[in-house]
Amino acid sequence: MIRAVVFDVGETLIDDTREWRAWADWLGVPPHTMSALVGAVTAQGRDNADALRLIRPGLDVAAERRAREDSGHGEQLDPDDLYPDVRSTLNVLRSHGLWLGIAGNQTVRAADLLRALDLPVDAIATSGEWGVAKPSPEFFARLIEWAPAARGEILYVGDHPANDILPGKRAGLRTALIRRGPWGYLWADDPEVVKAADWRLDDLTALPELIAAQ
């Protein structure tokens, strides 16, 4: 029985268009070039930060992110960045008595921005706050300590097979892959993902009914 649901952030709850456009502007390339490079590294199974390093080889992404912040061009999130099904689905899940969390590979600043959105969840955490990032087993161990449920009672929802579904499954969590963002669409039918994911979703609205049927 699922008692807690934890959501990834980028391309699960948040449309990353704004952030990739900001990186394109910062690095001085057209948005379509950035989109194409993100698609290329996705197809190759590489980390999304490699798209930035293709533009500027050897780029220290963390240092560059700090430089963006210092210049006033740092991360931004507002309600328009949420996918349209997010708030309504969270409200339904919460009305069913489930504990809800958000935990993903984001910065400390992103955690503050997410909290400012006042989403109907019980807790929010990021890799920047925890000091460990997906797909490390330590990230999922921390998540299991954080969520008030046994590991087999926690559902982790994400778009990324290598960061979300496969390591979540190895950690003993239930998993659901959402088909949005480049990773979700490209890898949804991968045999490993099909085997590891309890569900593959086209959007979040089906989730409450699926969980209730368990």
Protein backbone atom coordinates (compact mmCIF):
# COMPACT_ATOMS: atom_id res chain seq x y z
CA MET A 1 0.00 0.00 0.00
CA ILE A 2 1.33 3.43 -0.92
CA ARG A 3 1.34 5.89 1.98
CA ALA A 4 3.73 8.56 0.67
CA VAL A 5 4.32 10.04 -2.78
CA VAL A 6 7.52 11.96 -3.56
CA PHE A 7 7.93 13.92 -6.76
CA ASP A 8 10.97 14.86 -8.78
CA VAL A 9 11.02 18.52 -9.85
CA GLY A 10 12.23 19.33 -13.37
CA GLU A 11 9.92 18.02 -16.12
CA THR A 12 7.81 16.27 -13.49
CA LEU A 13 6.27 19.26 -11.70
CA ILE A 14 8.12 22.13 -13.38
CA ASP A 15 8.37 22.90 -17.09
CA ASP A 16 12.10 23.56 -17.56
CA THR A 17 11.66 25.81 -20.61
CA ARG A 18 12.46 28.99 -18.67
CA GLU A 19 15.67 27.59 -17.19
CA TRP A 20 17.03 26.20 -20.48
CA ARG A 21 16.25 29.49 -22.22
CA ALA A 22 18.10 31.32 -19.44
CA TRP A 23 21.14 29.09 -19.96
CA ALA A 24 21.00 29.69 -23.71
CA ASP A 25 20.97 33.46 -23.15
CA TRP A 26 23.77 33.22 -20.58
CA LEU A 27 26.02 31.15 -22.84
CA GLY A 28 25.18 33.19 -25.94
CA VAL A 29 23.46 30.62 -28.13
CA PRO A 30 19.95 30.57 -29.64
CA PRO A 31 17.30 28.65 -27.65
CA HIS A 32 16.86 26.15 -30.50
CA THR A 33 20.58 25.30 -30.31
CA MET A 34 20.27 24.62 -26.60
CA SER A 35 17.17 22.49 -27.18
CA ALA A 36 18.94 20.45 -29.84
CA LEU A 37 21.94 19.83 -27.60
CA VAL A 38 19.72 18.78 -24.69
CA GLY A 39 18.03 16.36 -27.06
CA ALA A 40 21.39 15.02 -28.23
CA VAL A 41 22.73 14.28 -24.75
CA THR A 42 19.37 12.77 -23.80
CA ALA A 43 19.53 10.38 -26.73
CA GLN A 44 23.06 9.43 -25.74
CA GLY A 45 22.04 8.75 -22.14
CA ARG A 46 24.31 11.50 -20.83
CA ASP A 47 23.80 14.01 -18.03
CA ASN A 48 21.86 17.11 -19.05
CA ALA A 49 24.71 19.35 -17.86
CA ASP A 50 26.73 17.91 -20.74
CA ALA A 51 24.60 20.05 -23.07
CA LEU A 52 26.14 23.11 -21.41
CA ARG A 53 29.65 21.66 -21.68
CA LEU A 54 29.19 21.07 -25.40
CA ILE A 55 28.77 24.83 -25.77
CA ARG A 56 31.60 25.69 -23.41
CA PRO A 57 33.99 22.74 -22.94
CA GLY A 58 35.22 22.31 -19.39
CA LEU A 59 32.44 24.44 -17.96
CA ASP A 60 32.13 24.29 -14.16
CA VAL A 61 28.33 24.25 -13.99
CA ALA A 62 28.13 24.98 -10.26
CA ALA A 63 30.49 27.94 -10.56
CA GLU A 64 28.62 29.23 -13.59
CA ARG A 65 25.32 28.94 -11.75
CA ARG A 66 26.78 31.06 -8.93
CA ALA A 67 27.94 33.61 -11.48
CA ARG A 68 24.40 33.80 -12.85
CA GLU A 69 23.08 34.39 -9.36
CA ASP A 70 25.66 37.08 -8.62
CA SER A 71 24.76 38.91 -11.82
CA GLY A 72 21.03 38.84 -11.11
CA HIS A 73 20.29 36.19 -13.76
CA GLY A 74 19.79 33.23 -11.44
CA GLU A 75 17.07 30.63 -11.19
CA GLN A 76 13.47 31.79 -11.25
CA LEU A 77 10.21 29.92 -10.63
CA ASP A 78 6.68 31.19 -10.62
CA PRO A 79 3.26 29.50 -10.81
CA ASP A 80 3.32 29.64 -14.62
CA ASP A 81 6.28 27.25 -14.61
CA LEU A 82 4.16 24.49 -13.07
CA TYR A 83 2.64 21.95 -15.42
CA PRO A 84 -1.15 22.49 -15.51
CA ASP A 85 -2.02 19.22 -13.75
CA VAL A 86 0.28 19.69 -10.76
CA ARG A 87 -1.66 21.65 -8.17
CA SER A 88 -4.98 19.89 -8.79
CA THR A 89 -3.38 16.42 -8.60
CA LEU A 90 -1.53 17.27 -5.41
CA ASN A 91 -4.79 18.46 -3.85
CA VAL A 92 -6.56 15.22 -4.76
CA LEU A 93 -3.71 13.06 -3.43
CA ARG A 94 -3.63 15.01 -0.19
CA SER A 95 -7.40 14.65 0.21
CA HIS A 96 -6.82 10.88 0.08
CA GLY A 97 -4.62 11.12 3.17
CA LEU A 98 -1.27 10.57 1.45
CA TRP A 99 1.92 12.22 2.67
CA LEU A 100 3.39 14.27 -0.18
CA GLY A 101 6.97 15.36 -0.72
CA ILE A 102 9.11 16.99 -3.40
CA ALA A 103 12.77 15.97 -3.66
CA GLY A 104 15.02 16.40 -6.68
CA ASN A 105 18.41 17.43 -8.00
CA GLN A 106 18.10 21.15 -7.45
CA THR A 107 19.95 23.92 -5.70
CA VAL A 108 19.28 25.41 -2.28
CA ARG A 109 17.83 28.45 -4.05
CA ALA A 110 15.46 26.21 -6.01
CA ALA A 111 14.18 24.77 -2.73
CA ASP A 112 13.32 28.27 -1.54
CA LEU A 113 11.62 29.06 -4.85
CA LEU A 114 9.58 25.85 -4.68
CA ARG A 115 8.45 26.62 -1.13
CA ALA A 116 7.36 30.07 -2.25
CA LEU A 117 4.91 28.43 -4.70
CA ASP A 118 2.88 27.26 -1.67
CA LEU A 119 2.15 23.84 -3.12
CA PRO A 120 -0.07 21.46 -1.12
CA VAL A 121 2.77 19.18 0.01
CA ASP A 122 4.14 18.20 3.39
CA ALA A 123 7.84 18.73 2.73
CA ILE A 124 10.31 19.92 0.10
CA ALA A 125 14.01 19.08 -0.14
CA THR A 126 16.72 19.33 -2.78
CA SER A 127 20.07 17.72 -3.41
CA GLY A 128 21.68 21.09 -2.66
CA GLU A 129 20.24 20.97 0.85
CA TRP A 130 21.01 17.31 1.42
CA GLY A 131 24.52 17.42 -0.02
CA VAL A 132 23.90 14.33 -2.16
CA ALA A 133 22.35 14.01 -5.60
CA LYS A 134 20.55 11.41 -7.70
CA PRO A 135 21.26 8.77 -8.82
CA SER A 136 23.40 8.15 -5.76
CA PRO A 137 21.97 5.48 -3.44
CA GLU A 138 22.65 7.91 -0.60
CA PHE A 139 20.06 10.30 -2.03
CA PHE A 140 17.37 7.62 -1.90
CA ALA A 141 18.50 6.45 1.54
CA ARG A 142 18.04 10.02 2.75
CA LEU A 143 14.62 10.16 1.07
CA ILE A 144 13.53 6.97 2.82
CA GLU A 145 14.58 8.41 6.20
CA TRP A 146 12.75 11.67 5.37
CA ALA A 147 9.39 10.29 4.23
CA PRO A 148 7.21 8.86 7.04
CA ALA A 149 6.61 5.47 5.43
CA ALA A 150 8.41 2.20 4.79
CA ARG A 151 10.42 2.11 1.58
CA GLY A 152 7.91 -0.17 -0.13
CA GLU A 153 5.12 2.28 0.75
CA ILE A 154 6.82 5.24 -0.96
CA LEU A 155 6.11 6.06 -4.60
CA TYR A 156 8.73 8.14 -6.40
CA VAL A 157 7.46 9.96 -9.50
CA GLY A 158 9.94 11.28 -12.06
CA ASP A 159 10.75 11.68 -15.73
CA HIS A 160 14.34 10.46 -15.82
CA PRO A 161 15.10 6.72 -16.06
CA ALA A 162 18.69 6.88 -14.87
CA ASN A 163 18.11 9.41 -12.07
CA ASP A 164 14.60 8.51 -10.93
CA ILE A 165 13.15 5.17 -11.98
CA LEU A 166 16.08 2.74 -11.96
CA PRO A 167 17.80 3.93 -8.76
CA GLY A 168 14.43 4.37 -7.06
CA LYS A 169 13.56 0.78 -7.86
CA ARG A 170 16.95 -0.43 -6.62
CA ALA A 171 16.32 1.42 -3.35
CA GLY A 172 13.09 -0.52 -2.87
CA LEU A 173 10.67 2.28 -3.74
CA ARG A 174 7.63 2.06 -5.94
CA THR A 175 8.19 4.15 -9.08
CA ALA A 176 6.22 5.96 -11.76
CA LEU A 177 7.68 7.50 -14.90
CA ILE A 178 5.90 10.49 -16.39
CA ARG A 179 6.17 10.93 -20.14
CA ARG A 180 7.14 14.57 -20.43
CA GLY A 181 10.36 16.39 -20.96
CA PRO A 182 12.94 14.88 -23.31
CA TRP A 183 13.92 12.04 -20.96
CA GLY A 184 10.39 10.95 -20.20
CA TYR A 185 9.33 10.81 -23.82
CA LEU A 186 12.50 9.24 -25.19
CA TRP A 187 12.99 6.52 -22.60
CA ALA A 188 9.41 5.60 -21.61
CA ASP A 189 9.44 2.41 -23.69
CA ASP A 190 12.96 1.32 -22.81
CA PRO A 191 12.79 -2.31 -21.60
CA GLU A 192 14.57 -1.49 -18.35
CA VAL A 193 12.13 1.31 -17.62
CA VAL A 194 9.13 -0.86 -18.49
CA LYS A 195 10.39 -3.49 -16.07
CA ALA A 196 11.27 -1.06 -13.26
CA ALA A 197 8.33 1.34 -13.32
CA ASP A 198 5.11 0.41 -11.58
CA TRP A 199 3.36 2.87 -13.88
CA ARG A 200 4.13 5.01 -16.91
CA LEU A 201 1.97 8.11 -16.97
CA ASP A 202 1.03 10.54 -19.73
CA ASP A 203 0.18 13.12 -17.06
CA LEU A 204 -0.33 13.25 -13.31
CA THR A 205 -4.12 13.23 -13.28
CA ALA A 206 -4.34 9.42 -13.44
CA LEU A 207 -2.18 8.98 -10.34
CA PRO A 208 -4.81 9.26 -7.57
CA GLU A 209 -6.99 6.58 -9.12
CA LEU A 210 -4.03 4.25 -9.70
CA ILE A 211 -2.90 4.59 -6.11
CA ALA A 212 -6.43 4.14 -4.74
CA ALA A 213 -6.76 0.89 -6.69
CA GLN A 214 -3.74 -0.65 -4.92
